[in-house]
Structures are given as C-alpha cells and as structure tokens.
Amino acid sequence: MKNKLVKEEFIEKYKFAEDEIKSNNIDWNVLNSIYEDFNVYKDTYEAQADFISNTLRTHNKIHSVKSRIKDSERLIEKIIRKTSDRKEKYGEKFQFSVDNYKEEINDLIGIRVIHIFKQDWENIHEFILDTWKVIEITANVREGDDTKRFEELDIEIQSRKSGYRSVHYLIEFYPTSQRVIAEIQVRTIFEEGYGEIDHQLRYTHKEIPEVLALNLLLFNRISGSADEMASFINLLNKNLGEMEYRYEDILDKKEKEIEELKKKLLKFEKER
C-alpha cells in the first residue's frame, strides 16, 4: 500500500478526476490526508467487518456472508466524484475532509448477505433491525416487481432499469470516538449471481453494447423466474412435510385406537 497518492499517476488512472478537482476546487493535500487517515483505520474496520459478518452468520436463514473494506484509492476516486453532489446538498462551500468523510461515505465497510429463498428475507430483516441501529433501508427492485411488502414496512424503493435487486441497510457504530457507517446488502443466491455477472460486464465496458444489454435483460428475467421457482419448491416441500406429519399422526392415533379395542376385547373374553 502506498503511503501517499501521486497526483499524476492517479489522474492518469482516473481520467475524469482532473476536471472534477479543478471545477470543485478540491485541495489535493486534503485528499492525501484522507487517504493517510483511512489507511490508519483500516485494521480497525477489518475487525469490525469480521464482527458484523460473524454475527450475521449466526442466523440460520443466511447461506453465506462476504465482507470487504473499501480500497483506499477507490475511496479518493469516490470522494472526487461525489463532491459536486455534496455541494448541491450542503452548499458550494462544502468540501470533504478528514473530519467528515467517515460520515459522508457510507460503504467504507461493505457486507453482503446471501440467502436461498425469497421468503427468508423478512426473518433476516428483523434480525438486522434487532441487532444494530439501522439509519436507512433501500429496496432495489426491477421495474414491475411486486413491492407491496416493502411499502407495508415503509421501506424506500428504488427501481432499477438494469434489473439489479438487493435490499441495502446502512448501520452505524463507533469503533472509535467517531461514527462509522457500514452497508449490509441482502439478496438471494440468484440475485447475487445476476448482480455479479452484470457488474463484471458493466465494469469492463464504458457503455454496454446493445446485444449484451438485451441478453442481460433476458438473463435477469430467467434469474427472477428461478427465484420464484425456488420459493415455490420450498413452499411445496413444507406443505408436503406438514401433510406427511399429519398423515403419520393420524396413523399413530388409529393404531392406538386399535390397540385399545384389542385390550377391551381381550378383557371382555376373559370376563365371559
């Protein structure tokens, strides 16, 4: 890991950065201070990410958990990219600093939670609410998805043309005296598969070719259908299990009744 960012190397790698730095009057020395500060805290964030991940792994509906700490260089890239947005929000005098970046950048710690069946989400949702202080929840859905349950729970809904689906939680905690916000993303195993492939394609293309975009849309529908089918199979399995239990219970009761009748007949014959 580099101790300092070299401006020329950074701008060569992130072509947009030079114009953004000039137009928003960003001080390169401040960016370097943020870079150095974040590197000091990375080990602490790693420990916190492990703690959050291990807590989530205790839930029996969670299939797997992944975690990552934001790359230091990508943090600076995001700060440059988000400065104009924050100026619109807070006013033209706003600048990122060592004192405010931990509160303004919400994904310094990123946790991804994978579950198998769609209907398991609500149990995981309740677990997260009971375990941490949640400051924001966003349900990312595909246009046309059923959002009734999210609306009932008063969860913000964001419609994604790309077909990306995932419920995002921002939780807050204090690994030091300064507040840190972590992001937990919850999605099914099929949503994870689609999301990873979509991300890879978008990361390698400035603009996705139409033929890829159309096939991604088709793949999104297939993965969505697979999610629905998995949930239906799970529900069917539960119903069959309940029916089998009831059937065995009825047989058990009948056998006991037969045994009782046999005992009564035997007693009657002895008394004759």
C-alpha atoms as a PDB file:
ATOM      1  CA  MET A   1       0.000   0.000   0.000  1.00  0.00           C
ATOM      2  CA  LYS A   2       1.356   3.429  -0.961  1.00  0.00           C
ATOM      3  CA  ASN A   3       1.925   5.966   1.830  1.00  0.00           C
ATOM      4  CA  LYS A   4       0.889   8.853  -0.401  1.00  0.00           C
ATOM      5  CA  LEU A   5      -1.032   9.277  -3.614  1.00  0.00           C
ATOM      6  CA  VAL A   6       0.918  10.586  -6.589  1.00  0.00           C
ATOM      7  CA  LYS A   7      -1.363  13.072  -8.309  1.00  0.00           C
ATOM      8  CA  GLU A   8      -0.030  12.468 -11.819  1.00  0.00           C
ATOM      9  CA  GLU A   9      -0.391   8.694 -11.516  1.00  0.00           C
ATOM     10  CA  PHE A  10      -3.885   8.997 -10.047  1.00  0.00           C
ATOM     11  CA  ILE A  11      -5.125  11.341 -12.796  1.00  0.00           C
ATOM     12  CA  GLU A  12      -3.657   9.058 -15.444  1.00  0.00           C
ATOM     13  CA  LYS A  13      -5.660   6.171 -13.984  1.00  0.00           C
ATOM     14  CA  TYR A  14      -8.904   8.118 -13.351  1.00  0.00           C
ATOM     15  CA  LYS A  15      -9.243  10.369 -16.388  1.00  0.00           C
ATOM     16  CA  PHE A  16     -12.271  12.293 -15.090  1.00  0.00           C
ATOM     17  CA  ALA A  17     -10.518  13.359 -11.863  1.00  0.00           C
ATOM     18  CA  GLU A  18      -8.530  16.360 -13.119  1.00  0.00           C
ATOM     19  CA  ASP A  19     -11.599  18.281 -14.345  1.00  0.00           C
ATOM     20  CA  GLU A  20     -13.555  17.453 -11.167  1.00  0.00           C
ATOM     21  CA  ILE A  21     -10.698  18.592  -8.918  1.00  0.00           C
ATOM     22  CA  LYS A  22     -10.436  21.914 -10.794  1.00  0.00           C
ATOM     23  CA  SER A  23     -14.157  22.634 -11.094  1.00  0.00           C
ATOM     24  CA  ASN A  24     -14.846  21.849  -7.421  1.00  0.00           C
ATOM     25  CA  ASN A  25     -11.689  23.482  -6.003  1.00  0.00           C
ATOM     26  CA  ILE A  26     -10.589  20.267  -4.301  1.00  0.00           C
ATOM     27  CA  ASP A  27      -7.314  20.507  -2.393  1.00  0.00           C
ATOM     28  CA  TRP A  28      -5.032  17.581  -3.302  1.00  0.00           C
ATOM     29  CA  ASN A  29      -3.312  17.819   0.093  1.00  0.00           C
ATOM     30  CA  VAL A  30      -6.676  17.228   1.808  1.00  0.00           C
ATOM     31  CA  LEU A  31      -7.252  14.158  -0.390  1.00  0.00           C
ATOM     32  CA  ASN A  32      -3.853  12.826   0.670  1.00  0.00           C
ATOM     33  CA  SER A  33      -4.708  13.462   4.325  1.00  0.00           C
ATOM     34  CA  ILE A  34      -7.940  11.476   3.942  1.00  0.00           C
ATOM     35  CA  TYR A  35      -6.016   8.701   2.184  1.00  0.00           C
ATOM     36  CA  GLU A  36      -3.472   8.505   5.042  1.00  0.00           C
ATOM     37  CA  ASP A  37      -6.160   8.696   7.739  1.00  0.00           C
ATOM     38  CA  PHE A  38      -8.198   5.882   6.190  1.00  0.00           C
ATOM     39  CA  ASN A  39      -5.143   3.653   5.967  1.00  0.00           C
ATOM     40  CA  VAL A  40      -4.559   4.152   9.706  1.00  0.00           C
ATOM     41  CA  TYR A  41      -8.090   2.915  10.495  1.00  0.00           C
ATOM     42  CA  LYS A  42      -8.250   0.030   8.008  1.00  0.00           C
ATOM     43  CA  ASP A  43      -7.233  -2.655  10.507  1.00  0.00           C
ATOM     44  CA  THR A  44      -9.960  -1.445  12.886  1.00  0.00           C
ATOM     45  CA  TYR A  45     -12.509  -1.592  10.054  1.00  0.00           C
ATOM     46  CA  GLU A  46     -11.367  -5.112   9.148  1.00  0.00           C
ATOM     47  CA  ALA A  47     -12.038  -6.207  12.732  1.00  0.00           C
ATOM     48  CA  GLN A  48     -15.472  -4.549  12.685  1.00  0.00           C
ATOM     49  CA  ALA A  49     -16.329  -6.157   9.342  1.00  0.00           C
ATOM     50  CA  ASP A  50     -15.400  -9.569  10.747  1.00  0.00           C
ATOM     51  CA  PHE A  51     -17.543  -8.945  13.844  1.00  0.00           C
ATOM     52  CA  ILE A  52     -20.588  -7.911  11.774  1.00  0.00           C
ATOM     53  CA  SER A  53     -20.103 -10.866   9.401  1.00  0.00           C
ATOM     54  CA  ASN A  54     -19.773 -13.404  12.215  1.00  0.00           C
ATOM     55  CA  THR A  55     -22.881 -12.008  13.918  1.00  0.00           C
ATOM     56  CA  LEU A  56     -24.855 -12.400  10.696  1.00  0.00           C
ATOM     57  CA  ARG A  57     -23.569 -15.964  10.228  1.00  0.00           C
ATOM     58  CA  THR A  58     -25.391 -16.991  13.406  1.00  0.00           C
ATOM     59  CA  HIS A  59     -28.738 -16.606  11.617  1.00  0.00           C
ATOM     60  CA  ASN A  60     -29.978 -19.959  10.312  1.00  0.00           C
ATOM     61  CA  LYS A  61     -31.603 -18.481   7.188  1.00  0.00           C
ATOM     62  CA  ILE A  62     -28.352 -16.921   5.936  1.00  0.00           C
ATOM     63  CA  HIS A  63     -26.467 -19.050   3.408  1.00  0.00           C
ATOM     64  CA  SER A  64     -23.198 -17.076   3.291  1.00  0.00           C
ATOM     65  CA  VAL A  65     -21.649 -13.715   4.163  1.00  0.00           C
ATOM     66  CA  LYS A  66     -18.940 -11.743   2.362  1.00  0.00           C
ATOM     67  CA  SER A  67     -17.190  -8.621   3.591  1.00  0.00           C
ATOM     68  CA  ARG A  68     -14.764  -6.052   2.224  1.00  0.00           C
ATOM     69  CA  ILE A  69     -13.146  -2.781   3.257  1.00  0.00           C
ATOM     70  CA  LYS A  70     -13.131  -0.040   0.642  1.00  0.00           C
ATOM     71  CA  ASP A  71      -9.898   0.256  -1.302  1.00  0.00           C
ATOM     72  CA  SER A  72      -8.067   3.443  -0.240  1.00  0.00           C
ATOM     73  CA  GLU A  73      -7.519   4.672  -3.791  1.00  0.00           C
ATOM     74  CA  ARG A  74     -11.145   3.973  -4.748  1.00  0.00           C
ATOM     75  CA  LEU A  75     -12.214   5.977  -1.688  1.00  0.00           C
ATOM     76  CA  ILE A  76     -10.406   9.050  -3.049  1.00  0.00           C
ATOM     77  CA  GLU A  77     -11.888   8.437  -6.506  1.00  0.00           C
ATOM     78  CA  LYS A  78     -15.385   8.343  -4.950  1.00  0.00           C
ATOM     79  CA  ILE A  79     -14.755  11.485  -2.897  1.00  0.00           C
ATOM     80  CA  ILE A  80     -13.748  13.376  -6.044  1.00  0.00           C
ATOM     81  CA  ARG A  81     -16.774  12.026  -7.903  1.00  0.00           C
ATOM     82  CA  LYS A  82     -19.220  12.831  -5.079  1.00  0.00           C
ATOM     83  CA  THR A  83     -18.026  16.353  -4.244  1.00  0.00           C
ATOM     84  CA  SER A  84     -20.354  18.080  -6.725  1.00  0.00           C
ATOM     85  CA  ASP A  85     -23.292  16.054  -5.371  1.00  0.00           C
ATOM     86  CA  ARG A  86     -22.486  17.116  -1.790  1.00  0.00           C
ATOM     87  CA  LYS A  87     -22.146  20.753  -2.879  1.00  0.00           C
ATOM     88  CA  GLU A  88     -25.699  20.565  -4.237  1.00  0.00           C
ATOM     89  CA  LYS A  89     -26.841  19.067  -0.927  1.00  0.00           C
ATOM     90  CA  TYR A  90     -24.924  21.270   1.553  1.00  0.00           C
ATOM     91  CA  GLY A  91     -23.917  24.343  -0.451  1.00  0.00           C
ATOM     92  CA  GLU A  92     -20.964  25.494  -2.530  1.00  0.00           C
ATOM     93  CA  LYS A  93     -18.609  25.804   0.454  1.00  0.00           C
ATOM     94  CA  PHE A  94     -18.724  22.074   1.203  1.00  0.00           C
ATOM     95  CA  GLN A  95     -15.527  20.047   0.914  1.00  0.00           C
ATOM     96  CA  PHE A  96     -14.698  16.535   2.069  1.00  0.00           C
ATOM     97  CA  SER A  97     -12.239  16.469   4.971  1.00  0.00           C
ATOM     98  CA  VAL A  98     -10.601  14.091   7.446  1.00  0.00           C
ATOM     99  CA  ASP A  99     -13.329  15.098   9.920  1.00  0.00           C
ATOM    100  CA  ASN A 100     -16.373  14.355   7.744  1.00  0.00           C
ATOM    101  CA  TYR A 101     -15.553  11.656   5.169  1.00  0.00           C
ATOM    102  CA  LYS A 102     -16.399   8.736   7.525  1.00  0.00           C
ATOM    103  CA  GLU A 103     -19.957  10.040   7.862  1.00  0.00           C
ATOM    104  CA  GLU A 104     -20.408  11.041   4.223  1.00  0.00           C
ATOM    105  CA  ILE A 105     -19.104   7.845   2.582  1.00  0.00           C
ATOM    106  CA  ASN A 106     -21.447   5.032   3.567  1.00  0.00           C
ATOM    107  CA  ASP A 107     -19.656   1.991   2.198  1.00  0.00           C
ATOM    108  CA  LEU A 108     -16.250   2.091   3.894  1.00  0.00           C
ATOM    109  CA  ILE A 109     -17.305  -1.300   5.258  1.00  0.00           C
ATOM    110  CA  GLY A 110     -19.394  -3.447   2.931  1.00  0.00           C
ATOM    111  CA  ILE A 111     -21.133  -6.683   3.959  1.00  0.00           C
ATOM    112  CA  ARG A 112     -23.024  -8.920   1.547  1.00  0.00           C
ATOM    113  CA  VAL A 113     -25.573 -11.407   2.892  1.00  0.00           C
ATOM    114  CA  ILE A 114     -26.775 -14.253   0.673  1.00  0.00           C
ATOM    115  CA  HIS A 115     -29.907 -16.291   1.392  1.00  0.00           C
ATOM    116  CA  ILE A 116     -31.538 -19.056  -0.657  1.00  0.00           C
ATOM    117  CA  PHE A 117     -35.310 -18.479  -0.622  1.00  0.00           C
ATOM    118  CA  LYS A 118     -37.002 -15.108  -1.155  1.00  0.00           C
ATOM    119  CA  GLN A 119     -39.393 -15.641   1.763  1.00  0.00           C
ATOM    120  CA  ASP A 120     -36.419 -15.864   4.168  1.00  0.00           C
ATOM    121  CA  TRP A 121     -35.647 -12.154   3.683  1.00  0.00           C
ATOM    122  CA  GLU A 122     -38.121 -10.916   6.281  1.00  0.00           C
ATOM    123  CA  ASN A 123     -36.577 -13.008   9.088  1.00  0.00           C
ATOM    124  CA  ILE A 124     -33.136 -11.623   8.179  1.00  0.00           C
ATOM    125  CA  HIS A 125     -34.608  -8.106   8.008  1.00  0.00           C
ATOM    126  CA  GLU A 126     -35.958  -8.416  11.572  1.00  0.00           C
ATOM    127  CA  PHE A 127     -32.615  -9.799  12.790  1.00  0.00           C
ATOM    128  CA  ILE A 128     -30.717  -6.797  11.381  1.00  0.00           C
ATOM    129  CA  LEU A 129     -33.198  -4.335  12.938  1.00  0.00           C
ATOM    130  CA  ASP A 130     -32.932  -6.074  16.323  1.00  0.00           C
ATOM    131  CA  THR A 131     -29.120  -6.240  16.262  1.00  0.00           C
ATOM    132  CA  TRP A 132     -27.931  -2.832  15.026  1.00  0.00           C
ATOM    133  CA  LYS A 133     -29.042   0.769  14.801  1.00  0.00           C
ATOM    134  CA  VAL A 134     -30.301   0.985  11.230  1.00  0.00           C
ATOM    135  CA  ILE A 135     -30.352   4.506   9.818  1.00  0.00           C
ATOM    136  CA  GLU A 136     -31.533   3.776   6.275  1.00  0.00           C
ATOM    137  CA  ILE A 137     -33.067   0.909   4.257  1.00  0.00           C
ATOM    138  CA  THR A 138     -33.436   0.845   0.478  1.00  0.00           C
ATOM    139  CA  ALA A 139     -35.044  -1.926  -1.555  1.00  0.00           C
ATOM    140  CA  ASN A 140     -33.581  -2.054  -5.069  1.00  0.00           C
ATOM    141  CA  VAL A 141     -36.093  -3.702  -7.391  1.00  0.00           C
ATOM    142  CA  ARG A 142     -36.617  -4.304 -11.085  1.00  0.00           C
ATOM    143  CA  GLU A 143     -39.353  -2.282 -12.785  1.00  0.00           C
ATOM    144  CA  GLY A 144     -42.596  -4.238 -12.468  1.00  0.00           C
ATOM    145  CA  ASP A 145     -41.623  -6.174  -9.306  1.00  0.00           C
ATOM    146  CA  ASP A 146     -44.180  -6.640  -6.536  1.00  0.00           C
ATOM    147  CA  THR A 147     -43.227  -4.051  -3.896  1.00  0.00           C
ATOM    148  CA  LYS A 148     -46.266  -4.394  -1.613  1.00  0.00           C
ATOM    149  CA  ARG A 149     -44.352  -5.829   1.379  1.00  0.00           C
ATOM    150  CA  PHE A 150     -41.656  -3.142   1.179  1.00  0.00           C
ATOM    151  CA  GLU A 151     -44.388  -0.481   1.131  1.00  0.00           C
ATOM    152  CA  GLU A 152     -46.104  -2.060   4.154  1.00  0.00           C
ATOM    153  CA  LEU A 153     -42.795  -1.930   6.049  1.00  0.00           C
ATOM    154  CA  ASP A 154     -42.235   1.691   4.952  1.00  0.00           C
ATOM    155  CA  ILE A 155     -39.002   0.823   3.130  1.00  0.00           C
ATOM    156  CA  GLU A 156     -37.719   3.202   0.454  1.00  0.00           C
ATOM    157  CA  ILE A 157     -37.983   1.622  -3.004  1.00  0.00           C
ATOM    158  CA  GLN A 158     -35.558   2.301  -5.837  1.00  0.00           C
ATOM    159  CA  SER A 159     -36.496   0.959  -9.266  1.00  0.00           C
ATOM    160  CA  ARG A 160     -33.509  -0.201 -11.324  1.00  0.00           C
ATOM    161  CA  LYS A 161     -33.750  -0.481 -15.117  1.00  0.00           C
ATOM    162  CA  SER A 162     -30.720  -2.782 -15.036  1.00  0.00           C
ATOM    163  CA  GLY A 163     -32.753  -5.344 -13.091  1.00  0.00           C
ATOM    164  CA  TYR A 164     -30.470  -5.169 -10.039  1.00  0.00           C
ATOM    165  CA  ARG A 165     -32.228  -6.481  -6.919  1.00  0.00           C
ATOM    166  CA  SER A 166     -30.939  -6.176  -3.352  1.00  0.00           C
ATOM    167  CA  VAL A 167     -32.050  -4.695  -0.030  1.00  0.00           C
ATOM    168  CA  HIS A 168     -29.438  -2.304   1.393  1.00  0.00           C
ATOM    169  CA  TYR A 169     -29.124  -1.372   5.076  1.00  0.00           C
ATOM    170  CA  LEU A 170     -26.956   1.399   6.492  1.00  0.00           C
ATOM    171  CA  ILE A 171     -25.994   0.676  10.097  1.00  0.00           C
ATOM    172  CA  GLU A 172     -23.987   2.893  12.419  1.00  0.00           C
ATOM    173  CA  PHE A 173     -21.475   2.069  15.128  1.00  0.00           C
ATOM    174  CA  TYR A 174     -18.470   3.582  16.910  1.00  0.00           C
ATOM    175  CA  PRO A 175     -15.236   1.578  16.576  1.00  0.00           C
ATOM    176  CA  THR A 176     -13.541   4.769  17.845  1.00  0.00           C
ATOM    177  CA  SER A 177     -14.989   8.049  19.104  1.00  0.00           C
ATOM    178  CA  GLN A 178     -16.025   8.817  15.515  1.00  0.00           C
ATOM    179  CA  ARG A 179     -19.147   7.347  13.961  1.00  0.00           C
ATOM    180  CA  VAL A 180     -18.732   4.878  11.119  1.00  0.00           C
ATOM    181  CA  ILE A 181     -21.475   3.716   8.767  1.00  0.00           C
ATOM    182  CA  ALA A 182     -21.433   0.223   7.260  1.00  0.00           C
ATOM    183  CA  GLU A 183     -23.556  -1.075   4.414  1.00  0.00           C
ATOM    184  CA  ILE A 184     -25.223  -4.504   4.546  1.00  0.00           C
ATOM    185  CA  GLN A 185     -26.602  -5.816   1.251  1.00  0.00           C
ATOM    186  CA  VAL A 186     -29.116  -8.673   1.455  1.00  0.00           C
ATOM    187  CA  ARG A 187     -30.038 -10.696  -1.632  1.00  0.00           C
ATOM    188  CA  THR A 188     -30.913 -14.204  -2.791  1.00  0.00           C
ATOM    189  CA  ILE A 189     -28.354 -16.556  -4.297  1.00  0.00           C
ATOM    190  CA  PHE A 190     -29.906 -15.999  -7.750  1.00  0.00           C
ATOM    191  CA  GLU A 191     -29.847 -12.202  -7.347  1.00  0.00           C
ATOM    192  CA  GLU A 192     -26.196 -12.494  -6.332  1.00  0.00           C
ATOM    193  CA  GLY A 193     -25.367 -14.491  -9.471  1.00  0.00           C
ATOM    194  CA  TYR A 194     -27.055 -11.963 -11.739  1.00  0.00           C
ATOM    195  CA  GLY A 195     -25.552  -8.997  -9.866  1.00  0.00           C
ATOM    196  CA  GLU A 196     -22.001 -10.349 -10.154  1.00  0.00           C
ATOM    197  CA  ILE A 197     -22.286 -11.010 -13.902  1.00  0.00           C
ATOM    198  CA  ASP A 198     -23.937  -7.629 -14.515  1.00  0.00           C
ATOM    199  CA  HIS A 199     -21.183  -5.883 -12.511  1.00  0.00           C
ATOM    200  CA  GLN A 200     -18.400  -7.652 -14.433  1.00  0.00           C
ATOM    201  CA  LEU A 201     -19.864  -6.623 -17.782  1.00  0.00           C
ATOM    202  CA  ARG A 202     -20.506  -3.018 -16.764  1.00  0.00           C
ATOM    203  CA  TYR A 203     -17.035  -2.748 -15.218  1.00  0.00           C
ATOM    204  CA  THR A 204     -15.341  -3.830 -18.469  1.00  0.00           C
ATOM    205  CA  HIS A 205     -17.433  -1.592 -20.782  1.00  0.00           C
ATOM    206  CA  LYS A 206     -17.867   2.175 -20.692  1.00  0.00           C
ATOM    207  CA  GLU A 207     -21.182   1.587 -22.403  1.00  0.00           C
ATOM    208  CA  ILE A 208     -22.685  -1.894 -22.677  1.00  0.00           C
ATOM    209  CA  PRO A 209     -23.312  -2.946 -26.319  1.00  0.00           C
ATOM    210  CA  GLU A 210     -26.997  -3.378 -27.149  1.00  0.00           C
ATOM    211  CA  VAL A 211     -26.655  -7.123 -27.783  1.00  0.00           C
ATOM    212  CA  LEU A 212     -25.194  -7.585 -24.271  1.00  0.00           C
ATOM    213  CA  ALA A 213     -27.818  -5.314 -22.693  1.00  0.00           C
ATOM    214  CA  LEU A 214     -30.653  -7.322 -24.280  1.00  0.00           C
ATOM    215  CA  ASN A 215     -29.180 -10.633 -23.145  1.00  0.00           C
ATOM    216  CA  LEU A 216     -28.611  -9.249 -19.646  1.00  0.00           C
ATOM    217  CA  LEU A 217     -32.287  -8.309 -19.520  1.00  0.00           C
ATOM    218  CA  LEU A 218     -33.228 -11.840 -20.595  1.00  0.00           C
ATOM    219  CA  PHE A 219     -30.856 -13.312 -18.008  1.00  0.00           C
ATOM    220  CA  ASN A 220     -32.410 -11.064 -15.346  1.00  0.00           C
ATOM    221  CA  ARG A 221     -35.862 -12.460 -16.149  1.00  0.00           C
ATOM    222  CA  ILE A 222     -34.546 -16.036 -16.038  1.00  0.00           C
ATOM    223  CA  SER A 223     -32.837 -15.491 -12.667  1.00  0.00           C
ATOM    224  CA  GLY A 224     -36.025 -13.837 -11.351  1.00  0.00           C
ATOM    225  CA  SER A 225     -38.063 -16.840 -12.503  1.00  0.00           C
ATOM    226  CA  ALA A 226     -35.536 -19.177 -10.855  1.00  0.00           C
ATOM    227  CA  ASP A 227     -36.013 -17.247  -7.598  1.00  0.00           C
ATOM    228  CA  GLU A 228     -39.780 -17.674  -7.815  1.00  0.00           C
ATOM    229  CA  MET A 229     -39.442 -21.375  -8.635  1.00  0.00           C
ATOM    230  CA  ALA A 230     -37.044 -21.976  -5.722  1.00  0.00           C
ATOM    231  CA  SER A 231     -39.516 -20.288  -3.364  1.00  0.00           C
ATOM    232  CA  PHE A 232     -42.400 -22.344  -4.747  1.00  0.00           C
ATOM    233  CA  ILE A 233     -40.417 -25.599  -4.342  1.00  0.00           C
ATOM    234  CA  ASN A 234     -39.576 -24.610  -0.757  1.00  0.00           C
ATOM    235  CA  LEU A 235     -43.240 -23.892  -0.003  1.00  0.00           C
ATOM    236  CA  LEU A 236     -44.324 -27.145  -1.655  1.00  0.00           C
ATOM    237  CA  ASN A 237     -41.757 -29.073   0.367  1.00  0.00           C
ATOM    238  CA  LYS A 238     -43.053 -27.529   3.610  1.00  0.00           C
ATOM    239  CA  ASN A 239     -46.663 -28.355   2.690  1.00  0.00           C
ATOM    240  CA  LEU A 240     -45.758 -31.945   1.807  1.00  0.00           C
ATOM    241  CA  GLY A 241     -43.832 -32.258   5.068  1.00  0.00           C
ATOM    242  CA  GLU A 242     -46.833 -30.986   7.040  1.00  0.00           C
ATOM    243  CA  MET A 243     -49.155 -33.353   5.164  1.00  0.00           C
ATOM    244  CA  GLU A 244     -46.804 -36.279   5.853  1.00  0.00           C
ATOM    245  CA  TYR A 245     -46.646 -35.345   9.539  1.00  0.00           C
ATOM    246  CA  ARG A 246     -50.450 -35.125   9.757  1.00  0.00           C
ATOM    247  CA  TYR A 247     -50.794 -38.471   7.950  1.00  0.00           C
ATOM    248  CA  GLU A 248     -48.327 -40.152  10.333  1.00  0.00           C
ATOM    249  CA  ASP A 249     -50.135 -38.577  13.296  1.00  0.00           C
ATOM    250  CA  ILE A 250     -53.474 -39.940  12.069  1.00  0.00           C
ATOM    251  CA  LEU A 251     -51.981 -43.426  11.583  1.00  0.00           C
ATOM    252  CA  ASP A 252     -50.450 -43.294  15.055  1.00  0.00           C
ATOM    253  CA  LYS A 253     -53.808 -42.360  16.598  1.00  0.00           C
ATOM    254  CA  LYS A 254     -55.566 -45.142  14.670  1.00  0.00           C
ATOM    255  CA  GLU A 255     -53.007 -47.700  15.834  1.00  0.00           C
ATOM    256  CA  LYS A 256     -53.530 -46.604  19.439  1.00  0.00           C
ATOM    257  CA  GLU A 257     -57.307 -46.874  18.999  1.00  0.00           C
ATOM    258  CA  ILE A 258     -56.902 -50.401  17.565  1.00  0.00           C
ATOM    259  CA  GLU A 259     -54.666 -51.380  20.481  1.00  0.00           C
ATOM    260  CA  GLU A 260     -57.256 -50.069  22.929  1.00  0.00           C
ATOM    261  CA  LEU A 261     -60.005 -52.043  21.181  1.00  0.00           C
ATOM    262  CA  LYS A 262     -57.867 -55.200  21.284  1.00  0.00           C
ATOM    263  CA  LYS A 263     -57.337 -54.745  25.035  1.00  0.00           C
ATOM    264  CA  LYS A 264     -61.082 -54.254  25.585  1.00  0.00           C
ATOM    265  CA  LEU A 265     -61.900 -57.369  23.518  1.00  0.00           C
ATOM    266  CA  LEU A 266     -59.319 -59.417  25.418  1.00  0.00           C
ATOM    267  CA  LYS A 267     -60.731 -58.203  28.735  1.00  0.00           C
ATOM    268  CA  PHE A 268     -64.295 -58.969  27.589  1.00  0.00           C
ATOM    269  CA  GLU A 269     -63.338 -62.523  26.590  1.00  0.00           C
ATOM    270  CA  LYS A 270     -61.652 -63.145  29.965  1.00  0.00           C
ATOM    271  CA  GLU A 271     -64.736 -61.928  31.842  1.00  0.00           C
ATOM    272  CA  ARG A 272     -67.076 -64.267  29.934  1.00  0.00           C
END
